[in-house]
Protein backbone atom coordinates (compact mmCIF):
# COMPACT_ATOMS: atom_id res chain seq x y z
CA MET A 1 131.96 -102.28 58.40
CA GLY A 2 130.15 -99.33 59.89
CA THR A 3 129.81 -95.87 59.04
CA GLN A 4 132.68 -93.83 61.13
CA ARG A 5 131.41 -90.69 62.42
CA LYS A 6 133.53 -87.61 61.18
CA ARG A 7 134.89 -85.52 64.31
CA LYS A 8 134.25 -81.77 64.26
CA VAL A 9 136.86 -79.78 64.53
CA TYR A 10 135.86 -76.50 66.63
CA SER A 11 138.25 -73.52 66.04
CA ASN A 12 139.71 -71.75 69.24
CA GLU A 13 137.54 -68.90 68.95
CA PHE A 14 134.58 -71.20 69.05
CA LYS A 15 135.99 -72.56 71.73
CA THR A 16 136.64 -69.37 73.48
CA SER A 17 133.66 -67.69 72.56
CA ALA A 18 131.48 -70.50 74.42
CA VAL A 19 133.50 -70.86 77.13
CA MET A 20 132.95 -66.97 77.70
CA MET A 21 129.53 -67.27 77.07
CA VAL A 22 129.04 -69.35 80.62
CA THR A 23 131.99 -67.42 82.38
CA GLU A 24 131.46 -64.50 81.83
CA GLN A 25 127.48 -64.23 80.62
CA GLY A 26 126.47 -66.08 83.53
CA ARG A 27 125.01 -68.52 81.58
CA ARG A 28 124.48 -72.53 82.68
CA LEU A 29 126.45 -74.68 80.77
CA SER A 30 124.33 -77.26 80.19
CA GLU A 31 122.15 -74.17 78.09
CA VAL A 32 124.92 -72.70 76.24
CA ALA A 33 126.36 -76.52 75.35
CA ARG A 34 122.31 -77.00 74.01
CA GLU A 35 122.13 -73.85 72.30
CA LEU A 36 125.75 -74.60 70.27
CA GLY A 37 124.98 -78.42 69.54
CA ILE A 38 128.29 -79.59 71.50
CA SER A 39 127.95 -82.23 74.69
CA GLU A 40 128.07 -80.96 78.10
CA GLN A 41 131.40 -82.40 78.86
CA MET A 42 133.20 -81.18 76.09
CA LEU A 43 131.95 -77.73 77.13
CA HIS A 44 133.12 -78.66 80.68
CA ASN A 45 136.64 -79.73 79.48
CA TRP A 46 136.90 -76.68 77.48
CA LYS A 47 136.53 -74.38 79.82
CA ARG A 48 138.63 -76.88 82.20
CA THR A 49 141.60 -76.52 79.82
CA ILE A 50 140.50 -72.64 79.51
CA LYS A 51 140.63 -72.11 83.64
CA GLU A 52 144.14 -74.26 83.94
CA LYS A 53 146.23 -72.74 80.99
CA GLU A 54 144.55 -69.39 80.56
CA GLU A 55 146.62 -67.81 77.55
CA GLY A 56 148.06 -71.06 75.56
CA ALA A 57 144.68 -72.95 76.25
CA PHE A 58 143.98 -74.28 72.72
CA PRO A 59 147.67 -74.04 71.24
CA GLY A 60 148.21 -73.61 67.28
CA ASN A 61 146.74 -71.22 65.49
CA GLY A 62 144.36 -69.83 67.77
CA LYS A 63 146.72 -67.88 69.89
CA MET A 64 145.11 -64.69 70.16
CA GLY A 65 146.98 -61.98 68.67
CA PRO A 66 146.81 -58.25 69.62
CA HIS A 67 143.40 -57.84 67.94
CA GLU A 68 141.78 -60.73 69.00
CA ALA A 69 143.13 -60.08 72.44
CA GLU A 70 141.66 -56.02 72.42
CA LEU A 71 138.17 -57.60 70.43
CA LYS A 72 137.85 -60.19 74.01
CA ALA A 73 138.44 -56.99 76.52
CA LEU A 74 136.25 -55.05 74.20
CA LYS A 75 133.35 -57.39 74.90
CA LYS A 76 133.94 -57.67 78.08
CA GLU A 77 133.77 -54.26 78.30
CA ILE A 78 130.91 -53.80 76.38
CA ALA A 79 128.94 -57.18 78.61
CA ARG A 80 129.60 -55.17 81.90
CA LEU A 81 128.47 -51.61 80.30
CA THR A 82 125.33 -53.48 79.72
CA GLU A 83 124.86 -55.06 82.96
CA GLU A 84 125.77 -51.39 84.34
CA ARG A 85 122.99 -49.53 81.74
CA ASP A 86 120.18 -52.45 83.32
CA ILE A 87 120.65 -52.09 86.67
CA LEU A 88 120.25 -47.73 86.20
CA LYS A 89 117.19 -48.30 84.30
CA LYS A 90 115.42 -50.40 86.97
CA ALA A 91 116.84 -47.58 90.00
CA ALA A 92 115.45 -44.86 87.86
CA LYS A 93 111.71 -47.15 87.29
CA PHE A 94 111.84 -47.80 90.82
CA PHE A 95 112.57 -43.77 91.99
CA MET A 96 110.26 -42.19 89.47
CA ASN A 97 107.62 -45.04 91.17
CA GLU A 98 108.55 -43.62 94.64
CA PRO A 99 105.79 -40.96 96.38
CA GLY A 100 106.45 -38.04 97.48
């Protein structure tokens, strides 16, 4: 008999965070999968599961409680504000360099 590989179990939070890196941060699926050390197919499956089932995507202990939901909303808001800040910085530079 050969040695059996032990199957890695990922937390629901890990799965959700990985998918958010693709969907909300606009990163490439292949890049995120490589960075996290998971297969692209696995990440694609998680993304599809979340899209199809949304709130109950990963049943069991992983269902978000009120604190997790608030944390998710706050992270999303931080990402939006960071993007907005970066745009405003670029605009300020542009207008400072404009002659006249």
